[in-house]
Amino acid sequence: MAESRAEEAGRGRRAVEFGPGDGSVQRFSRVVAAAMIVVMPLAAGCAEGKAKARPTASMPTTSPPEPVPLTRDVAERAFRTYVTDEDVARAAGDERLALTWTSDGQSQLTAAEFRKAAYDGDPVRRFVYGEPKLYVPKVKDASIYPQWFLVSVDRSVLGESKSKRRALMAFVLRGPSDDWKLTLATLLQPKAKEPEISIDKEGYATPLGSDDTSVLIRPRDVGGIQATIAAEGGRSVAAKVMKSGAVTTGFYRAARRAKKKAKEKDLTLQVVYTATPFPYFGLRTESGGGLIIYSLFRNTSLAAKEPGTPKPEIPEEAEHLLDGTVEGNEVATTSTLHFAAYDPARAEKDEPQPKAHLIADDGAISKAATPPIKKP
C-alpha cells in the first residue's frame, strides 16, 4: 500500500509542454528557418532535371522502458545506490543534487536542512548506515505504479559519537522511467520496540490496504487520529484507540504552553495539524497488527492582533528560512513531520483491545513566511 490523500493523477506519465515563455518555441523556429535556407538551393539544383521522388523523413520512435519487477535484489540495489548518491551530494554541499534522490516530504526536509547548514555556516550532515533490513511487498503486476519498499537500518551522523539511531525509510518508484527515491524517513524512539514484520517463505512482506479493518485503526486514518489527539488532548474520543505520548498528548500540552507564553506578550498563537498529500505505507506484523508509516503537517501562526502590539519575533528554528524581517504582524510556519505507528490487530469479542501507539518520529520546520498585513 502506497496511498496518497491527494489526487492519484501522479501515477501517470508526465507530459512535457513548450510554453511561450520558456524560449523553446523560438529556438525551434530558428533551427527550422536555418535548415530551410540550406535545403532550398539544393532542391533548386535538382529541379533542372526530371523530378524524382525523395524519401520521406521519418521521426525515430522510442519504446518506453520495460517495467522491472520489484524483488529483494532490486530493492537492495536501490538502497545502496541511494546511500552512495546521498553521500556524494552531502559531501559536496549540493542541495540540488541531494533533491534528485528524494521526493515528497523528504524533499522538503532535505531542502530545509541544506539551507540551515548554509545559514549557520556548517557543513551538511553526512550519514553512516549499518546493515539494512529490507521489507519488500510482493508485486503481482510489475506494470502497476507506484512501487515501494521499506528499510529499517541503523544510521549515525558522521563524526558524531553516540548519534546512532534506528531509521525507518520508505522508497518509492513512480514509473518505469523514474528512479527510486526516498520519500520518507523517521527515527525510532529511544525506548520503542520495532514490531516484527510478517515475512513469507520467499522473503516478502505483506502490505496492508488503506481500508484494512483487521487492524484497530484503518491505515489511512492513523494520521488523523494522531492529529485529533494533538489538537484536543487526552480527553479526545480519538484517545480511546491511541496511547498518550510525546507526539500525541505531548503535542497538545506543548501547544497550550506556547499559547500561554504568546498571550503574555499580547500575541495570538494558532497550532493546527493536518494531513499531507504524500503517500503512506502499511505492512502486516507477525502479531496480526500493522506498521504504519506516514506524515503530517504542523501549521503555526503567531500574530499581533491588537493595534500597537510589537511584531512577533522570528523563531530561532525558522531563521534560516526567512530574511530576518517581519513585514506584517504575523509569522507563519509549516513543519513536515514523519511518523511510524504500531496499529494492533482488532481484538476478538470480549477480549481486551490494545491501543495503537507511536514508535518513531522526525521532522522540522520546512516553510516559513511573514505575510504582509491584509488590507481591509
Protein backbone atom coordinates (compact mmCIF):
# COMPACT_ATOMS: atom_id res chain seq x y z
CA MET A 1 0.00 0.00 0.00
CA ALA A 2 1.36 3.35 -1.00
CA GLU A 3 -1.75 5.50 -0.83
CA SER A 4 -1.90 9.30 -1.22
CA ARG A 5 -4.58 11.62 0.11
CA ALA A 6 -4.10 13.85 -2.97
CA GLU A 7 -5.35 13.00 -6.42
CA GLU A 8 -3.70 9.87 -7.80
CA ALA A 9 -3.07 11.50 -11.12
CA GLY A 10 0.63 11.49 -10.32
CA ARG A 11 0.72 7.80 -11.18
CA GLY A 12 0.55 8.53 -14.85
CA ARG A 13 3.27 9.71 -17.13
CA ARG A 14 4.12 13.40 -17.07
CA ALA A 15 3.95 15.33 -20.34
CA VAL A 16 6.47 18.00 -21.26
CA GLU A 17 4.92 21.16 -22.69
CA PHE A 18 6.54 24.05 -24.51
CA GLY A 19 5.29 27.37 -23.23
CA PRO A 20 5.59 30.76 -24.82
CA GLY A 21 7.81 31.99 -22.03
CA ASP A 22 10.46 29.28 -21.99
CA GLY A 23 12.11 30.17 -25.30
CA SER A 24 11.75 26.63 -26.64
CA VAL A 25 9.38 27.57 -29.48
CA GLN A 26 11.54 30.46 -30.59
CA ARG A 27 14.69 28.33 -30.61
CA PHE A 28 12.89 25.59 -32.55
CA SER A 29 11.65 28.14 -35.15
CA ARG A 30 15.15 29.50 -35.70
CA VAL A 31 16.53 26.00 -36.27
CA VAL A 32 13.80 25.23 -38.82
CA ALA A 33 14.42 28.53 -40.64
CA ALA A 34 18.15 27.85 -40.87
CA ALA A 35 17.51 24.37 -42.20
CA MET A 36 15.22 25.77 -44.95
CA ILE A 37 17.94 28.20 -46.11
CA VAL A 38 20.34 25.30 -46.64
CA VAL A 39 17.87 22.87 -48.19
CA MET A 40 16.22 25.22 -50.74
CA PRO A 41 19.28 25.76 -53.06
CA LEU A 42 19.87 22.02 -53.15
CA ALA A 43 16.29 21.44 -54.19
CA ALA A 44 16.56 24.14 -56.90
CA GLY A 45 19.61 22.46 -58.45
CA CYS A 46 17.72 19.18 -58.80
CA ALA A 47 14.77 20.89 -60.50
CA GLU A 48 16.65 21.20 -63.83
CA GLY A 49 16.31 17.51 -64.48
CA LYS A 50 13.37 15.18 -64.24
CA ALA A 51 11.59 15.38 -60.94
CA LYS A 52 12.46 12.50 -58.69
CA ALA A 53 10.64 11.26 -55.66
CA ARG A 54 12.57 11.82 -52.48
CA PRO A 55 12.33 9.56 -49.45
CA THR A 56 10.14 10.90 -46.70
CA ALA A 57 11.99 11.59 -43.48
CA SER A 58 10.56 9.72 -40.52
CA MET A 59 10.92 10.56 -36.88
CA PRO A 60 12.66 7.90 -34.80
CA THR A 61 10.44 6.19 -32.31
CA THR A 62 11.48 5.07 -28.87
CA SER A 63 9.83 2.37 -26.86
CA PRO A 64 9.11 3.01 -23.19
CA PRO A 65 11.36 1.04 -20.84
CA GLU A 66 10.10 -2.33 -19.78
CA PRO A 67 8.88 -2.46 -16.16
CA VAL A 68 11.32 -4.22 -13.84
CA PRO A 69 9.65 -6.48 -11.26
CA LEU A 70 10.32 -5.40 -7.68
CA THR A 71 12.41 -8.03 -5.95
CA ARG A 72 14.57 -8.04 -2.84
CA ASP A 73 17.66 -7.71 -5.04
CA VAL A 74 16.17 -4.71 -6.84
CA ALA A 75 15.30 -3.09 -3.50
CA GLU A 76 18.77 -3.67 -2.08
CA ARG A 77 20.44 -2.17 -5.16
CA ALA A 78 18.13 0.83 -4.94
CA PHE A 79 19.00 1.36 -1.28
CA ARG A 80 22.76 1.00 -1.84
CA THR A 81 22.59 3.41 -4.76
CA TYR A 82 20.72 5.95 -2.66
CA VAL A 83 23.28 5.74 0.16
CA THR A 84 26.14 6.41 -2.27
CA ASP A 85 24.38 9.21 -4.14
CA GLU A 86 23.18 10.88 -0.96
CA ASP A 87 26.69 10.97 0.48
CA VAL A 88 28.15 12.44 -2.70
CA ALA A 89 25.58 15.26 -2.61
CA ARG A 90 26.02 15.95 1.10
CA ALA A 91 29.82 15.86 0.92
CA ALA A 92 29.70 18.43 -1.90
CA GLY A 93 27.07 20.55 -0.16
CA ASP A 94 24.99 20.26 -3.34
CA GLU A 95 21.34 20.79 -2.42
CA ARG A 96 20.05 20.37 -5.96
CA LEU A 97 21.82 17.03 -6.36
CA ALA A 98 20.54 15.83 -2.99
CA LEU A 99 16.97 16.68 -4.00
CA THR A 100 17.38 14.46 -7.07
CA TRP A 101 17.20 11.40 -4.83
CA THR A 102 14.27 12.45 -2.63
CA SER A 103 10.59 13.25 -3.08
CA ASP A 104 7.53 14.47 -1.18
CA GLY A 105 8.11 15.33 2.48
CA GLN A 106 11.70 14.14 2.43
CA SER A 107 12.49 16.70 -0.26
CA GLN A 108 11.08 19.46 1.94
CA LEU A 109 13.14 18.37 4.93
CA THR A 110 16.29 17.93 2.85
CA ALA A 111 16.00 21.42 1.36
CA ALA A 112 15.42 22.92 4.83
CA GLU A 113 18.44 21.07 6.24
CA PHE A 114 20.77 22.32 3.49
CA ARG A 115 19.56 25.88 3.97
CA LYS A 116 20.02 25.73 7.73
CA ALA A 117 23.58 24.44 7.30
CA ALA A 118 24.34 27.28 4.90
CA TYR A 119 22.79 29.83 7.28
CA ASP A 120 24.80 28.52 10.24
CA GLY A 121 27.99 28.17 8.19
CA ASP A 122 28.21 24.46 8.96
CA PRO A 123 28.73 21.50 6.64
CA VAL A 124 25.66 19.43 5.88
CA ARG A 125 25.40 16.27 7.95
CA ARG A 126 26.64 13.06 6.38
CA PHE A 127 25.36 9.67 7.45
CA VAL A 128 26.84 6.25 8.05
CA TYR A 129 24.48 3.31 7.58
CA GLY A 130 24.57 -0.17 9.08
CA GLU A 131 23.30 -3.40 7.55
CA PRO A 132 19.75 -2.79 6.27
CA LYS A 133 16.69 -4.92 6.90
CA LEU A 134 14.51 -4.80 3.78
CA TYR A 135 10.72 -5.06 3.80
CA VAL A 136 9.64 -5.63 0.20
CA PRO A 137 5.97 -6.17 -0.63
CA LYS A 138 5.33 -8.78 -3.29
CA VAL A 139 4.30 -7.12 -6.55
CA LYS A 140 1.80 -9.14 -8.59
CA ASP A 141 1.87 -6.87 -11.65
CA ALA A 142 5.18 -5.11 -12.45
CA SER A 143 3.38 -2.62 -14.72
CA ILE A 144 1.42 -1.06 -11.84
CA TYR A 145 2.93 2.00 -10.16
CA PRO A 146 3.89 3.38 -7.75
CA GLN A 147 6.02 0.61 -6.28
CA TRP A 148 7.60 0.88 -2.84
CA PHE A 149 9.59 -0.83 -0.11
CA LEU A 150 10.71 -0.04 3.43
CA VAL A 151 14.13 -0.23 5.04
CA SER A 152 14.98 -0.49 8.73
CA VAL A 153 18.62 0.40 9.35
CA ASP A 154 20.97 1.86 11.95
CA ARG A 155 22.06 5.36 10.96
CA SER A 156 24.75 7.54 12.54
CA VAL A 157 25.93 11.07 11.84
CA LEU A 158 29.49 11.04 10.54
CA GLY A 159 31.88 12.40 13.16
CA GLU A 160 29.29 12.46 15.96
CA SER A 161 29.70 9.81 18.65
CA LYS A 162 26.60 8.33 20.22
CA SER A 163 24.45 9.50 17.33
CA LYS A 164 23.29 6.07 16.17
CA ARG A 165 19.52 5.79 15.74
CA ARG A 166 17.30 3.24 14.06
CA ALA A 167 15.86 4.76 10.89
CA LEU A 168 12.74 3.61 9.06
CA MET A 169 12.93 4.68 5.42
CA ALA A 170 10.36 4.44 2.63
CA PHE A 171 11.40 4.37 -1.02
CA VAL A 172 9.05 4.85 -3.96
CA LEU A 173 9.23 4.34 -7.73
CA ARG A 174 6.51 6.17 -9.65
CA GLY A 175 7.14 4.83 -13.14
CA PRO A 176 9.45 2.69 -15.28
CA SER A 177 11.38 5.78 -16.45
CA ASP A 178 11.79 7.17 -12.93
CA ASP A 179 14.46 6.49 -10.31
CA TRP A 180 13.88 5.12 -6.84
CA LYS A 181 13.62 7.99 -4.37
CA LEU A 182 13.47 8.35 -0.62
CA THR A 183 10.01 9.71 0.16
CA LEU A 184 10.03 9.46 3.97
CA ALA A 185 12.48 8.77 6.79
CA THR A 186 11.73 8.69 10.51
CA LEU A 187 13.65 7.67 13.63
CA LEU A 188 12.68 5.01 16.14
CA GLN A 189 12.02 6.49 19.57
CA PRO A 190 14.72 5.56 22.14
CA LYS A 191 12.52 3.23 24.20
CA ALA A 192 10.31 2.00 21.38
CA LYS A 193 10.38 -1.57 20.11
CA GLU A 194 10.29 -2.14 16.38
CA PRO A 195 7.49 -4.60 15.54
CA GLU A 196 8.30 -7.87 13.80
CA ILE A 197 7.10 -7.74 10.20
CA SER A 198 5.38 -10.79 8.74
CA ILE A 199 7.59 -12.31 6.02
CA ASP A 200 6.51 -15.14 3.71
CA LYS A 201 8.61 -18.13 2.63
CA GLU A 202 10.04 -16.20 -0.31
CA GLY A 203 11.15 -13.31 1.89
CA TYR A 204 8.42 -10.82 1.00
CA ALA A 205 6.34 -8.66 3.33
CA THR A 206 2.55 -8.36 3.29
CA PRO A 207 1.23 -4.86 2.53
CA LEU A 208 -1.90 -3.53 4.21
CA GLY A 209 -4.68 -1.93 2.23
CA SER A 210 -5.73 1.59 3.15
CA ASP A 211 -9.14 0.39 4.36
CA ASP A 212 -7.96 -2.79 6.11
CA THR A 213 -10.32 -3.44 9.02
CA SER A 214 -8.38 -6.30 10.58
CA VAL A 215 -6.38 -3.68 12.48
CA LEU A 216 -7.77 -1.34 15.13
CA ILE A 217 -7.44 1.82 13.03
CA ARG A 218 -7.70 1.76 9.27
CA PRO A 219 -4.22 2.62 7.95
CA ARG A 220 -5.46 5.71 6.15
CA ASP A 221 -6.94 7.07 9.41
CA VAL A 222 -3.92 6.66 11.71
CA GLY A 223 -2.56 10.13 10.96
CA GLY A 224 -5.95 11.70 11.51
CA ILE A 225 -6.31 10.04 14.90
CA GLN A 226 -2.93 11.38 15.99
CA ALA A 227 -3.74 14.88 14.72
CA THR A 228 -7.03 14.87 16.63
CA ILE A 229 -5.34 13.98 19.92
CA ALA A 230 -2.67 16.63 19.28
CA ALA A 231 -5.46 19.18 18.91
CA GLU A 232 -7.83 18.01 21.65
CA GLY A 233 -5.67 16.23 24.21
CA GLY A 234 -6.21 13.09 26.25
CA ARG A 235 -9.96 13.70 26.65
CA SER A 236 -10.49 13.35 22.92
CA VAL A 237 -12.56 10.44 21.66
CA ALA A 238 -9.56 9.56 19.49
CA ALA A 239 -7.57 8.83 22.67
CA LYS A 240 -9.68 5.70 23.14
CA VAL A 241 -7.77 4.00 20.31
CA MET A 242 -4.30 5.59 20.56
CA LYS A 243 -2.00 5.85 23.57
CA SER A 244 -0.79 9.10 25.07
CA GLY A 245 2.81 10.01 24.32
CA ALA A 246 5.26 12.73 23.38
CA VAL A 247 3.84 13.18 19.88
CA THR A 248 0.15 12.87 20.76
CA THR A 249 -0.89 14.38 24.09
CA GLY A 250 2.65 15.78 24.33
CA PHE A 251 1.97 17.91 21.26
CA TYR A 252 -1.26 19.13 22.87
CA ARG A 253 0.46 20.17 26.11
CA ALA A 254 3.32 21.87 24.25
CA ALA A 255 0.85 23.92 22.21
CA ARG A 256 -1.02 25.01 25.35
CA ARG A 257 2.22 26.19 26.97
CA ALA A 258 3.27 28.05 23.84
CA LYS A 259 -0.11 29.75 23.55
CA LYS A 260 0.10 30.88 27.16
CA LYS A 261 3.55 32.42 26.62
CA ALA A 262 2.34 34.15 23.46
CA LYS A 263 -0.65 35.60 25.30
CA GLU A 264 1.66 37.10 27.92
CA LYS A 265 3.22 39.10 25.06
CA ASP A 266 -0.19 40.08 23.67
CA LEU A 267 0.30 37.67 20.78
CA THR A 268 -2.05 35.02 19.43
CA LEU A 269 -0.71 31.58 18.56
CA GLN A 270 -2.58 29.02 16.47
CA VAL A 271 -1.35 25.45 16.01
CA VAL A 272 -3.07 23.11 13.55
CA TYR A 273 -2.10 19.58 12.49
CA THR A 274 -3.24 18.49 9.04
CA ALA A 275 -2.88 15.61 6.61
CA THR A 276 -0.36 15.78 3.77
CA PRO A 277 -0.75 14.78 0.10
CA PHE A 278 2.19 12.40 0.47
CA PRO A 279 1.97 8.59 0.34
CA TYR A 280 1.70 6.43 3.44
CA PHE A 281 2.66 2.79 3.88
CA GLY A 282 1.47 -0.21 5.87
CA LEU A 283 2.89 -3.68 6.49
CA ARG A 284 1.41 -6.64 8.36
CA THR A 285 3.19 -7.60 11.56
CA GLU A 286 3.63 -11.13 12.92
CA SER A 287 1.13 -10.33 15.67
CA GLY A 288 -1.56 -9.56 13.09
CA GLY A 289 -1.28 -5.79 13.53
CA GLY A 290 0.32 -3.26 11.24
CA LEU A 291 3.31 -0.97 10.97
CA ILE A 292 2.03 2.31 9.52
CA ILE A 293 4.42 5.00 8.24
CA TYR A 294 3.01 8.41 7.31
CA SER A 295 3.41 12.18 7.57
CA LEU A 296 1.60 15.23 8.95
CA PHE A 297 1.91 18.98 8.63
CA ARG A 298 2.02 21.25 11.67
CA ASN A 299 0.97 24.79 10.75
CA THR A 300 1.52 27.64 13.19
CA SER A 301 0.59 31.30 13.15
CA LEU A 302 1.99 33.76 15.68
CA ALA A 303 0.32 37.15 15.24
CA ALA A 304 -0.03 40.54 16.90
CA LYS A 305 -3.76 41.10 16.50
CA GLU A 306 -4.17 44.22 18.64
CA PRO A 307 -3.05 47.65 17.32
CA GLY A 308 0.20 48.84 18.85
CA THR A 309 1.36 45.36 19.82
CA PRO A 310 5.01 44.73 18.88
CA LYS A 311 5.55 42.42 15.94
CA PRO A 312 6.28 38.79 16.81
CA GLU A 313 9.89 37.66 16.67
CA ILE A 314 11.03 35.08 14.15
CA PRO A 315 11.51 31.72 15.91
CA GLU A 316 15.13 30.62 16.04
CA GLU A 317 14.31 27.33 14.33
CA ALA A 318 12.88 29.23 11.33
CA GLU A 319 15.51 31.96 10.90
CA HIS A 320 17.25 30.16 8.04
CA LEU A 321 14.03 30.21 6.01
CA LEU A 322 13.42 33.98 6.28
CA ASP A 323 15.33 37.19 5.56
CA GLY A 324 15.21 38.43 9.14
CA THR A 325 12.35 40.90 8.83
CA VAL A 326 8.67 40.66 9.67
CA GLU A 327 6.79 42.58 7.01
CA GLY A 328 3.38 42.39 8.61
CA ASN A 329 2.19 41.37 12.04
CA GLU A 330 2.42 37.58 11.68
CA VAL A 331 5.00 34.78 11.46
CA ALA A 332 3.67 31.58 9.91
CA THR A 333 5.48 28.25 9.77
CA THR A 334 4.86 24.78 8.40
CA SER A 335 6.63 21.73 9.80
CA THR A 336 6.88 18.46 7.89
CA LEU A 337 6.63 15.60 10.38
CA HIS A 338 7.25 11.90 9.72
CA PHE A 339 5.92 9.13 11.95
CA ALA A 340 5.63 5.39 12.37
CA ALA A 341 2.91 3.80 14.47
CA TYR A 342 2.08 0.30 15.60
CA ASP A 343 -1.58 -0.44 14.84
CA PRO A 344 -2.69 -3.55 16.78
CA ALA A 345 -4.95 -6.25 15.43
CA ARG A 346 -8.62 -5.82 16.20
CA ALA A 347 -9.38 -7.92 19.26
CA GLU A 348 -11.90 -10.73 19.29
CA LYS A 349 -15.20 -10.19 21.04
CA ASP A 350 -14.88 -9.94 24.84
CA GLU A 351 -11.07 -9.75 24.56
CA PRO A 352 -9.13 -6.68 25.78
CA GLN A 353 -8.27 -4.30 22.97
CA PRO A 354 -4.72 -2.84 22.95
CA LYS A 355 -4.34 0.73 21.72
CA ALA A 356 -2.24 1.93 18.80
CA HIS A 357 0.92 3.80 19.72
CA LEU A 358 3.61 5.87 18.03
CA ILE A 359 7.07 4.31 17.77
CA ALA A 360 9.03 6.73 15.54
CA ASP A 361 9.07 10.42 14.69
CA ASP A 362 11.21 13.02 12.96
CA GLY A 363 10.73 16.35 11.24
CA ALA A 364 11.46 20.07 11.19
CA ILE A 365 10.12 23.40 10.03
CA SER A 366 10.20 23.25 6.24
CA LYS A 367 8.49 26.52 5.33
CA ALA A 368 8.14 29.96 6.92
CA ALA A 369 6.59 33.26 5.90
CA THR A 370 5.90 36.75 7.24
CA PRO A 371 2.86 37.79 5.18
CA PRO A 372 2.02 41.49 4.85
CA ILE A 373 -0.95 42.90 6.71
CA LYS A 374 -4.16 42.17 4.85
CA LYS A 375 -5.86 45.26 3.52
CA PRO A 376 -9.47 45.70 4.67
